[in-house]
Amino acid sequence: MTKIQIRNLIITVGVGLVLYLIPAPGDLKPQAWHLFGLTVAIILGFILEPLPIGAVAFVGITIVALTGTLKTADVLTGFASTSMWLIVAAFMFARAFLKTGFGRRIAYVILRAIGGSTLTVGYSLALSDLVISPATPSSMARAGGILFPIARSICSVLGSEPETTPRKAGAYIMQVVYQTEGIVCAMFMTAMAGNPMIVELASKTAGIEISWGMWFLAALLPGAVAMACTPLLLYKICPPELKKTPEVKALAAEELKKMGPMSRDERILAGVFVLVLVLWTTGQWTKLDATVVGMLAACILLLTKVLDWSEMLTEKGAWDIFIWMGSLVALAGQLQKVGFISWFADVVSSSISGLPWLWALILLVVVYMYSHYGFASLTAHISAMYAAFVAVAISAGAPPYLTCLALAYTANICLAITHYSGSPGPMYFGAGYMPLSAWWRVGFIFSVFNLIVWVGIGSLWWKILGLW
């Protein structure tokens, strides 16, 4: 371990130990307080990373069991969650998109069709991200693995280099992908790894169920508005010097020519992709669970040899998330069960008792959004704050579905607020097309814009849908 990792380990263990040893406040049971202290230490470990996140979770839940804070069976309940298996299945799907090149093909087809100007290049990249997002729960896989090489190549073809001509087109193109990534993550339950955990936490904390179809329907209007406006608004804020880009269509056509016709594996993957989308969106009528559909897709890919079992076993990201997110789901559920969440909600609610529920919810949403300045991971942010904020808002009188959806989408749209707040951020900022001050300025502008769209317009849309 490095000196920094050792320091972070000492901080993590120290915070957990101090909280564990402090007497439980008020009428809270000691078990609930001990579990809270250990959970805080685990989440702090996620942020400081003295060990990889999965290792932090594994060590943490082991200590929870060793201390007798929870029974072993209770500690492991998160791994039986259907949401965790949906994530695993979706990661397998994402691997197939990368392996077959189908994701790149989609992006180049769209660029060839509408990439004739810098503005339409921006829309092309955003649309490409949106099309592949339901089956890729990793913003890094999409924006980093698939779209970044394409976007960077386009910049070079257009003669926009970070050292000499960043404003020619590159600054705009890089920002379009990054600023729309949070919107894309919010559009589908399976577009970001933390979304299924949000669904699980909403169920455990608020007692409500959010299906894949409900998530998508609730996101449809605000997502469409945000996707339609973001590239155009960026075009005004970061105007590219180059307006027409016929070279991009030529580049896309050339790359598609190199790729050749669709392979057998791509055709199978395309068919499975359509099948999965149909089954996910019609789940309320077919009664097929989203996780079962995801597992069906993985089975078809295995049986048709699009993916090998060895490739699924080596999908480290899926199994790492399965370990640490399953641990968090278990701890969140047990915090609710032992009474900590309700106690915490009562304490905080009493401090904002003079506020109407609407203002309390707005305050919590704004605090959630801008607290992301202190996080480098959406899922770490969700695990640290989502359940508690939901409990507080509902205790103040806010409608459960309105609360859970407002905070759920906020948990995604805060991705682009800084250059480190999402996995692809360092890659896009590191391309060197925009200075840090300008990057943060753009991030703040779009944080306000997205709050207005997703929580403002969104809440009216959810009212029309009868969700609150």
Protein backbone atom coordinates (compact mmCIF):
# COMPACT_ATOMS: atom_id res chain seq x y z
CA MET A 1 0.00 0.00 0.00
CA THR A 2 1.13 3.56 -0.68
CA LYS A 3 1.43 6.16 2.07
CA ILE A 4 -1.77 7.81 0.85
CA GLN A 5 -3.66 4.49 0.96
CA ILE A 6 -2.36 3.80 4.48
CA ARG A 7 -3.45 7.28 5.58
CA ASN A 8 -6.88 6.78 4.03
CA LEU A 9 -7.22 3.37 5.68
CA ILE A 10 -6.42 4.88 9.07
CA ILE A 11 -9.00 7.64 8.50
CA THR A 12 -11.65 5.13 7.41
CA VAL A 13 -11.07 2.76 10.32
CA GLY A 14 -10.77 5.65 12.78
CA VAL A 15 -14.07 7.23 11.77
CA GLY A 16 -15.85 3.89 11.93
CA LEU A 17 -14.36 3.06 15.33
CA VAL A 18 -15.23 6.44 16.84
CA LEU A 19 -18.82 6.26 15.63
CA TYR A 20 -19.13 2.65 16.79
CA LEU A 21 -17.94 3.49 20.32
CA ILE A 22 -20.00 6.66 20.80
CA PRO A 23 -23.16 5.89 22.78
CA ALA A 24 -26.32 5.77 20.71
CA PRO A 25 -28.15 9.13 20.79
CA GLY A 26 -31.64 9.50 22.19
CA ASP A 27 -33.82 6.43 22.12
CA LEU A 28 -31.99 4.83 19.18
CA LYS A 29 -31.02 1.21 19.77
CA PRO A 30 -27.27 0.49 20.08
CA GLN A 31 -27.48 -2.02 17.23
CA ALA A 32 -28.84 0.64 14.88
CA TRP A 33 -26.11 3.11 15.88
CA HIS A 34 -23.35 0.51 15.48
CA LEU A 35 -24.63 -0.42 12.04
CA PHE A 36 -24.73 3.25 11.07
CA GLY A 37 -21.13 3.76 12.21
CA LEU A 38 -19.87 0.76 10.24
CA THR A 39 -21.88 1.79 7.17
CA VAL A 40 -20.40 5.31 7.29
CA ALA A 41 -16.92 3.77 7.46
CA ILE A 42 -17.65 1.59 4.41
CA ILE A 43 -18.98 4.55 2.39
CA LEU A 44 -15.99 6.66 3.45
CA GLY A 45 -13.80 3.80 2.25
CA PHE A 46 -15.56 3.97 -1.12
CA ILE A 47 -14.66 7.64 -1.37
CA LEU A 48 -11.06 7.46 -0.10
CA GLU A 49 -10.30 4.02 -1.61
CA PRO A 50 -7.59 2.68 0.71
CA LEU A 51 -8.47 -0.58 -1.09
CA PRO A 52 -10.49 -1.17 -4.26
CA ILE A 53 -14.19 -0.50 -3.65
CA GLY A 54 -15.15 -4.16 -3.87
CA ALA A 55 -12.50 -5.05 -1.32
CA VAL A 56 -13.70 -2.28 1.02
CA ALA A 57 -17.24 -3.67 0.83
CA PHE A 58 -16.11 -7.25 1.42
CA VAL A 59 -14.00 -6.32 4.45
CA GLY A 60 -16.76 -4.04 5.74
CA ILE A 61 -19.59 -6.58 5.71
CA THR A 62 -17.25 -9.15 7.24
CA ILE A 63 -16.63 -6.79 10.16
CA VAL A 64 -20.38 -6.15 10.46
CA ALA A 65 -20.88 -9.89 10.87
CA LEU A 66 -17.83 -10.42 13.13
CA THR A 67 -18.96 -7.75 15.58
CA GLY A 68 -22.40 -9.35 15.79
CA THR A 69 -24.03 -6.14 14.56
CA LEU A 70 -25.95 -8.22 12.04
CA LYS A 71 -26.40 -11.93 11.48
CA THR A 72 -24.47 -13.36 8.55
CA ALA A 73 -27.68 -14.13 6.65
CA ASP A 74 -28.80 -10.50 7.02
CA VAL A 75 -25.43 -9.19 5.82
CA LEU A 76 -25.72 -11.25 2.63
CA THR A 77 -29.33 -10.40 1.73
CA GLY A 78 -28.24 -7.82 -0.85
CA PHE A 79 -26.75 -10.50 -3.08
CA ALA A 80 -30.18 -12.06 -3.52
CA SER A 81 -31.54 -8.75 -4.83
CA THR A 82 -32.88 -8.94 -8.38
CA SER A 83 -31.39 -5.50 -9.07
CA MET A 84 -27.88 -6.83 -8.59
CA TRP A 85 -28.40 -9.58 -11.14
CA LEU A 86 -29.89 -7.09 -13.59
CA ILE A 87 -26.64 -5.14 -13.40
CA VAL A 88 -24.58 -8.27 -14.07
CA ALA A 89 -26.74 -9.18 -17.08
CA ALA A 90 -26.54 -5.63 -18.46
CA PHE A 91 -22.76 -5.61 -18.15
CA MET A 92 -22.62 -8.80 -20.20
CA PHE A 93 -24.76 -7.07 -22.82
CA ALA A 94 -22.36 -4.10 -22.81
CA ARG A 95 -19.39 -6.42 -23.37
CA ALA A 96 -21.12 -7.77 -26.47
CA PHE A 97 -21.55 -4.22 -27.82
CA LEU A 98 -17.83 -3.60 -27.42
CA LYS A 99 -16.69 -7.01 -28.67
CA THR A 100 -18.77 -7.04 -31.85
CA GLY A 101 -18.27 -3.35 -32.67
CA PHE A 102 -22.04 -2.89 -32.90
CA GLY A 103 -21.93 0.23 -30.72
CA ARG A 104 -19.34 1.87 -33.00
CA ARG A 105 -21.38 0.92 -36.05
CA ILE A 106 -24.48 2.62 -34.64
CA ALA A 107 -22.50 5.80 -33.96
CA TYR A 108 -20.98 5.89 -37.45
CA VAL A 109 -24.33 5.21 -39.15
CA ILE A 110 -25.88 8.17 -37.32
CA LEU A 111 -22.88 10.40 -38.06
CA ARG A 112 -23.00 9.49 -41.75
CA ALA A 113 -26.69 10.40 -41.84
CA ILE A 114 -26.75 13.73 -39.97
CA GLY A 115 -23.13 14.77 -39.36
CA GLY A 116 -23.02 17.60 -41.90
CA SER A 117 -22.45 20.45 -39.42
CA THR A 118 -20.81 20.87 -36.05
CA LEU A 119 -24.23 21.16 -34.45
CA THR A 120 -25.52 17.97 -36.04
CA VAL A 121 -22.29 16.18 -35.13
CA GLY A 122 -23.12 17.04 -31.53
CA TYR A 123 -26.64 15.66 -31.93
CA SER A 124 -25.25 12.57 -33.67
CA LEU A 125 -22.92 11.72 -30.81
CA ALA A 126 -25.64 12.35 -28.22
CA LEU A 127 -28.11 10.21 -30.16
CA SER A 128 -25.55 7.41 -30.52
CA ASP A 129 -25.04 7.41 -26.76
CA LEU A 130 -28.80 7.34 -26.21
CA VAL A 131 -29.41 4.43 -28.60
CA ILE A 132 -26.91 2.09 -26.96
CA SER A 133 -27.54 3.19 -23.36
CA PRO A 134 -30.39 0.81 -22.40
CA ALA A 135 -27.99 -2.13 -22.72
CA THR A 136 -24.82 -0.49 -21.37
CA PRO A 137 -25.00 0.38 -17.65
CA SER A 138 -21.57 1.99 -17.68
CA SER A 139 -20.98 5.61 -18.68
CA MET A 140 -17.30 4.73 -19.01
CA ALA A 141 -18.06 1.93 -21.48
CA ARG A 142 -20.26 4.20 -23.60
CA ALA A 143 -18.73 7.66 -23.37
CA GLY A 144 -15.22 6.35 -22.77
CA GLY A 145 -14.88 3.06 -24.62
CA ILE A 146 -17.15 3.71 -27.62
CA LEU A 147 -17.69 7.44 -28.14
CA PHE A 148 -14.43 9.05 -26.99
CA PRO A 149 -12.23 7.53 -29.74
CA ILE A 150 -14.84 8.56 -32.32
CA ALA A 151 -15.19 12.09 -30.94
CA ARG A 152 -11.41 12.55 -30.74
CA SER A 153 -10.98 11.34 -34.32
CA ILE A 154 -13.64 13.77 -35.53
CA CYS A 155 -11.81 16.65 -33.86
CA SER A 156 -8.59 15.75 -35.65
CA VAL A 157 -10.32 15.33 -39.01
CA LEU A 158 -11.81 18.80 -38.57
CA GLY A 159 -8.38 20.25 -37.78
CA SER A 160 -9.25 21.03 -34.16
CA GLU A 161 -6.34 20.22 -31.86
CA PRO A 162 -6.16 21.09 -28.14
CA GLU A 163 -2.86 22.94 -28.35
CA THR A 164 -3.63 25.15 -31.33
CA THR A 165 -7.31 25.21 -32.34
CA PRO A 166 -9.46 23.95 -29.43
CA ARG A 167 -12.37 26.29 -30.15
CA LYS A 168 -12.58 25.32 -33.81
CA ALA A 169 -14.78 22.32 -32.94
CA GLY A 170 -13.13 20.20 -30.25
CA ALA A 171 -14.30 22.08 -27.15
CA TYR A 172 -17.90 21.90 -28.34
CA ILE A 173 -17.77 18.23 -29.36
CA MET A 174 -16.17 17.06 -26.11
CA GLN A 175 -18.64 19.01 -24.00
CA VAL A 176 -21.66 17.73 -25.94
CA VAL A 177 -20.80 14.12 -25.15
CA TYR A 178 -20.00 14.83 -21.52
CA GLN A 179 -22.97 17.10 -20.80
CA THR A 180 -25.47 14.74 -22.41
CA GLU A 181 -24.01 11.68 -20.66
CA GLY A 182 -25.80 12.41 -17.38
CA ILE A 183 -29.08 12.86 -19.27
CA VAL A 184 -28.57 9.53 -21.01
CA CYS A 185 -27.81 7.85 -17.67
CA ALA A 186 -31.11 9.17 -16.32
CA MET A 187 -33.21 8.00 -19.26
CA PHE A 188 -33.15 4.28 -18.53
CA MET A 189 -32.93 2.19 -15.38
CA THR A 190 -30.23 0.10 -17.06
CA ALA A 191 -28.17 3.04 -18.39
CA MET A 192 -26.21 3.60 -15.17
CA ALA A 193 -25.02 0.99 -12.68
CA GLY A 194 -26.42 2.86 -9.68
CA ASN A 195 -29.97 3.10 -11.01
CA PRO A 196 -31.07 -0.42 -10.00
CA MET A 197 -29.72 0.36 -6.54
CA ILE A 198 -31.91 3.48 -6.48
CA VAL A 199 -34.91 1.29 -7.29
CA GLU A 200 -33.97 -1.07 -4.48
CA LEU A 201 -33.44 1.76 -1.99
CA ALA A 202 -36.76 3.37 -2.99
CA SER A 203 -38.48 0.07 -2.31
CA LYS A 204 -36.83 -0.43 1.06
CA THR A 205 -37.07 3.20 2.23
CA ALA A 206 -40.34 4.42 0.73
CA GLY A 207 -42.12 1.15 0.03
CA ILE A 208 -42.70 1.94 -3.65
CA GLU A 209 -41.91 -0.11 -6.75
CA ILE A 210 -40.37 1.43 -9.87
CA SER A 211 -40.38 -0.82 -12.93
CA TRP A 212 -38.13 -0.42 -15.98
CA GLY A 213 -41.11 0.87 -17.95
CA MET A 214 -42.16 3.34 -15.26
CA TRP A 215 -38.62 4.71 -15.00
CA PHE A 216 -38.46 5.23 -18.78
CA LEU A 217 -41.96 6.73 -19.05
CA ALA A 218 -41.26 9.16 -16.19
CA ALA A 219 -37.96 10.17 -17.84
CA LEU A 220 -39.40 10.44 -21.35
CA LEU A 221 -40.55 14.08 -21.41
CA PRO A 222 -37.81 15.73 -19.32
CA GLY A 223 -35.21 13.54 -21.04
CA ALA A 224 -36.47 14.47 -24.50
CA VAL A 225 -36.43 18.18 -23.62
CA ALA A 226 -32.94 17.97 -22.14
CA MET A 227 -31.55 15.97 -25.07
CA ALA A 228 -33.11 18.33 -27.60
CA CYS A 229 -31.86 21.49 -25.90
CA THR A 230 -28.40 20.59 -24.58
CA PRO A 231 -26.41 20.44 -27.87
CA LEU A 232 -28.10 23.65 -29.05
CA LEU A 233 -27.55 25.46 -25.75
CA LEU A 234 -23.90 24.40 -25.77
CA TYR A 235 -23.68 25.69 -29.34
CA LYS A 236 -24.55 29.13 -27.91
CA ILE A 237 -22.36 28.89 -24.78
CA CYS A 238 -19.31 27.31 -26.48
CA PRO A 239 -19.80 28.31 -30.13
CA PRO A 240 -17.49 26.37 -32.44
CA GLU A 241 -15.59 28.40 -35.01
CA LEU A 242 -16.26 25.75 -37.66
CA LYS A 243 -19.92 25.44 -38.65
CA LYS A 244 -20.02 23.04 -41.62
CA THR A 245 -18.44 19.58 -41.35
CA PRO A 246 -18.81 17.53 -44.56
CA GLU A 247 -15.60 15.71 -43.58
CA VAL A 248 -17.42 13.95 -40.75
CA LYS A 249 -19.86 12.25 -43.08
CA ALA A 250 -16.92 11.12 -45.21
CA LEU A 251 -15.07 9.85 -42.13
CA ALA A 252 -18.12 7.89 -40.96
CA ALA A 253 -18.63 6.40 -44.42
CA GLU A 254 -14.97 5.38 -44.58
CA GLU A 255 -15.06 3.76 -41.15
CA LEU A 256 -18.24 1.85 -42.02
CA LYS A 257 -16.55 0.67 -45.23
CA LYS A 258 -13.62 -0.61 -43.18
CA MET A 259 -15.99 -2.42 -40.82
CA GLY A 260 -17.71 -4.11 -43.76
CA PRO A 261 -21.21 -5.59 -43.62
CA MET A 262 -22.74 -6.54 -40.29
CA SER A 263 -21.26 -9.75 -38.93
CA ARG A 264 -23.32 -12.70 -37.75
CA ASP A 265 -22.67 -11.71 -34.14
CA GLU A 266 -23.77 -8.12 -34.75
CA ARG A 267 -27.02 -9.27 -36.36
CA ILE A 268 -27.76 -11.57 -33.43
CA LEU A 269 -26.93 -8.81 -30.96
CA ALA A 270 -29.18 -6.35 -32.82
CA GLY A 271 -32.06 -8.82 -32.67
CA VAL A 272 -31.52 -9.50 -28.97
CA PHE A 273 -31.28 -5.76 -28.30
CA VAL A 274 -34.67 -5.12 -29.93
CA LEU A 275 -36.19 -8.09 -28.10
CA VAL A 276 -34.93 -6.87 -24.74
CA LEU A 277 -36.21 -3.32 -25.29
CA VAL A 278 -39.64 -4.63 -26.25
CA LEU A 279 -39.82 -6.92 -23.21
CA TRP A 280 -38.56 -4.23 -20.82
CA THR A 281 -41.04 -1.63 -22.04
CA THR A 282 -43.99 -4.06 -21.98
CA GLY A 283 -43.16 -5.59 -18.61
CA GLN A 284 -46.32 -4.26 -16.98
CA TRP A 285 -48.39 -6.36 -19.39
CA THR A 286 -46.16 -9.41 -19.88
CA LYS A 287 -45.37 -9.56 -16.14
CA LEU A 288 -41.77 -10.42 -17.04
CA ASP A 289 -39.33 -9.06 -14.48
CA ALA A 290 -36.62 -6.79 -15.93
CA THR A 291 -33.93 -8.99 -14.38
CA VAL A 292 -35.34 -12.13 -16.02
CA VAL A 293 -35.31 -10.32 -19.37
CA GLY A 294 -31.69 -9.28 -18.87
CA MET A 295 -30.72 -12.82 -17.94
CA LEU A 296 -32.57 -14.13 -21.01
CA ALA A 297 -30.51 -11.81 -23.20
CA ALA A 298 -27.27 -13.06 -21.63
CA CYS A 299 -28.40 -16.67 -22.18
CA ILE A 300 -29.11 -16.06 -25.87
CA LEU A 301 -25.71 -14.44 -26.33
CA LEU A 302 -24.11 -17.47 -24.67
CA LEU A 303 -26.06 -20.06 -26.66
CA THR A 304 -25.30 -18.31 -29.95
CA LYS A 305 -21.61 -17.94 -29.04
CA VAL A 306 -21.69 -14.16 -29.36
CA LEU A 307 -20.14 -14.31 -25.89
CA ASP A 308 -18.24 -17.13 -24.24
CA TRP A 309 -18.67 -18.08 -20.61
CA SER A 310 -14.99 -17.29 -20.06
CA GLU A 311 -15.66 -13.72 -21.22
CA MET A 312 -18.49 -13.40 -18.73
CA LEU A 313 -16.24 -14.66 -15.96
CA THR A 314 -13.58 -12.10 -16.85
CA GLU A 315 -16.06 -9.17 -16.84
CA LYS A 316 -14.43 -7.70 -13.73
CA GLY A 317 -16.59 -4.59 -13.65
CA ALA A 318 -19.80 -6.58 -13.35
CA TRP A 319 -18.61 -8.79 -10.49
CA ASP A 320 -16.93 -5.91 -8.68
CA ILE A 321 -20.16 -3.90 -8.73
CA PHE A 322 -22.11 -7.00 -7.71
CA ILE A 323 -19.97 -7.29 -4.55
CA TRP A 324 -19.96 -3.70 -3.36
CA MET A 325 -23.44 -2.73 -4.47
CA GLY A 326 -24.94 -5.92 -3.05
CA SER A 327 -23.26 -5.06 0.24
CA LEU A 328 -24.74 -1.55 0.23
CA VAL A 329 -28.21 -2.77 -0.63
CA ALA A 330 -28.06 -5.18 2.31
CA LEU A 331 -26.83 -2.48 4.71
CA ALA A 332 -29.44 0.02 3.52
CA GLY A 333 -32.21 -2.50 4.01
CA GLN A 334 -30.98 -3.41 7.48
CA LEU A 335 -30.62 0.26 8.49
CA GLN A 336 -34.30 0.62 7.66
CA LYS A 337 -35.17 -2.62 9.46
CA VAL A 338 -33.39 -1.73 12.72
CA GLY A 339 -35.02 1.71 12.78
CA PHE A 340 -32.10 4.03 11.97
CA ILE A 341 -33.59 5.54 8.79
CA SER A 342 -36.91 6.41 10.43
CA TRP A 343 -35.09 7.86 13.46
CA PHE A 344 -32.81 9.96 11.24
CA ALA A 345 -35.76 11.17 9.16
CA ASP A 346 -37.61 12.24 12.30
CA VAL A 347 -34.57 14.15 13.62
CA VAL A 348 -33.94 16.01 10.37
CA SER A 349 -37.63 16.58 9.72
CA SER A 350 -38.01 18.29 13.07
CA SER A 351 -35.30 20.75 12.06
CA ILE A 352 -37.22 21.70 8.91
CA SER A 353 -40.66 21.31 10.44
CA GLY A 354 -41.60 24.89 9.57
CA LEU A 355 -41.11 24.30 5.86
CA PRO A 356 -43.92 23.09 3.58
CA TRP A 357 -43.07 19.71 2.04
CA LEU A 358 -42.52 21.27 -1.40
CA TRP A 359 -39.79 23.61 -0.16
CA ALA A 360 -38.27 20.82 1.92
CA LEU A 361 -38.06 18.62 -1.17
CA ILE A 362 -36.59 21.41 -3.30
CA LEU A 363 -33.98 22.07 -0.63
CA LEU A 364 -33.03 18.40 -0.46
CA VAL A 365 -32.79 18.11 -4.25
CA VAL A 366 -30.55 21.19 -4.49
CA VAL A 367 -28.34 19.97 -1.66
CA TYR A 368 -28.10 16.55 -3.32
CA MET A 369 -27.11 18.09 -6.66
CA TYR A 370 -24.37 20.36 -5.36
CA SER A 371 -23.02 17.97 -2.76
CA HIS A 372 -21.72 16.06 -5.78
CA TYR A 373 -18.82 18.51 -5.86
CA GLY A 374 -17.47 16.28 -3.09
CA PHE A 375 -17.90 12.99 -4.97
CA ALA A 376 -16.11 11.33 -7.87
CA SER A 377 -18.69 8.57 -8.29
CA LEU A 378 -22.44 8.62 -8.86
CA THR A 379 -22.91 5.31 -7.10
CA ALA A 380 -20.90 6.39 -4.05
CA HIS A 381 -23.06 9.51 -3.88
CA ILE A 382 -26.23 7.41 -4.12
CA SER A 383 -25.09 5.04 -1.41
CA ALA A 384 -24.18 7.92 0.89
CA MET A 385 -27.25 10.11 0.58
CA TYR A 386 -30.16 8.80 -1.48
CA ALA A 387 -32.03 6.70 1.10
CA ALA A 388 -31.62 9.28 3.87
CA PHE A 389 -32.84 12.16 1.69
CA VAL A 390 -35.85 10.14 0.54
CA ALA A 391 -36.76 9.35 4.13
CA VAL A 392 -36.45 12.97 5.22
CA ALA A 393 -38.55 14.32 2.33
CA ILE A 394 -41.33 11.78 2.87
CA SER A 395 -41.33 12.49 6.61
CA ALA A 396 -41.86 16.16 5.72
CA GLY A 397 -44.96 15.18 3.76
CA ALA A 398 -43.62 14.92 0.21
CA PRO A 399 -45.36 12.36 -2.05
CA PRO A 400 -43.26 9.14 -2.24
CA TYR A 401 -43.09 8.78 -6.03
CA LEU A 402 -42.35 12.46 -6.58
CA THR A 403 -39.58 12.29 -3.99
CA CYS A 404 -37.98 9.09 -5.24
CA LEU A 405 -38.06 10.13 -8.90
CA ALA A 406 -36.81 13.69 -8.32
CA LEU A 407 -33.83 12.45 -6.32
CA ALA A 408 -33.26 9.50 -8.69
CA TYR A 409 -32.88 11.70 -11.75
CA THR A 410 -30.86 14.28 -9.81
CA ALA A 411 -28.50 11.44 -8.89
CA ASN A 412 -27.77 11.05 -12.61
CA ILE A 413 -27.76 14.58 -13.99
CA CYS A 414 -25.11 15.70 -11.50
CA LEU A 415 -22.61 13.55 -13.43
CA ALA A 416 -21.25 16.41 -15.53
CA ILE A 417 -21.00 19.09 -12.85
CA THR A 418 -17.18 18.82 -12.62
CA HIS A 419 -14.34 17.21 -14.56
CA TYR A 420 -14.03 14.43 -11.98
CA SER A 421 -17.66 13.79 -11.02
CA GLY A 422 -18.20 10.93 -13.46
CA SER A 423 -16.04 8.12 -14.80
CA PRO A 424 -15.54 9.60 -18.30
CA GLY A 425 -14.76 13.07 -16.92
CA PRO A 426 -10.97 12.78 -16.59
CA MET A 427 -10.76 11.37 -20.12
CA TYR A 428 -12.73 14.20 -21.75
CA PHE A 429 -11.10 16.93 -19.66
CA GLY A 430 -7.70 15.33 -20.24
CA ALA A 431 -8.17 15.74 -23.99
CA GLY A 432 -7.24 19.36 -23.29
CA TYR A 433 -9.86 21.26 -25.27
CA MET A 434 -11.20 23.39 -22.41
CA PRO A 435 -9.54 24.99 -19.36
CA LEU A 436 -10.71 24.00 -15.90
CA SER A 437 -12.49 27.28 -15.08
CA ALA A 438 -14.54 27.11 -18.28
CA TRP A 439 -15.31 23.42 -17.66
CA TRP A 440 -16.70 24.16 -14.20
CA ARG A 441 -18.64 27.18 -15.51
CA VAL A 442 -20.34 25.05 -18.16
CA GLY A 443 -21.00 22.31 -15.61
CA PHE A 444 -22.73 24.75 -13.25
CA ILE A 445 -24.86 26.27 -16.03
CA PHE A 446 -26.11 22.84 -17.06
CA SER A 447 -26.68 21.76 -13.48
CA VAL A 448 -29.21 24.61 -13.17
CA PHE A 449 -30.69 23.86 -16.58
CA ASN A 450 -31.10 20.15 -15.79
CA LEU A 451 -32.69 20.81 -12.41
CA ILE A 452 -35.27 23.06 -14.07
CA VAL A 453 -36.00 20.45 -16.74
CA TRP A 454 -35.88 17.25 -14.73
CA VAL A 455 -37.40 18.41 -11.45
CA GLY A 456 -39.48 21.34 -12.72
CA ILE A 457 -40.93 20.04 -16.00
CA GLY A 458 -40.50 16.48 -14.76
CA SER A 459 -42.68 16.92 -11.69
CA LEU A 460 -45.51 18.32 -13.86
CA TRP A 461 -45.13 15.35 -16.22
CA TRP A 462 -45.28 12.89 -13.32
CA LYS A 463 -48.44 14.65 -12.12
CA ILE A 464 -50.02 14.09 -15.52
CA LEU A 465 -48.99 10.44 -15.33
CA GLY A 466 -50.73 10.18 -11.98
CA LEU A 467 -47.60 9.27 -10.03
CA TRP A 468 -48.32 11.80 -7.30
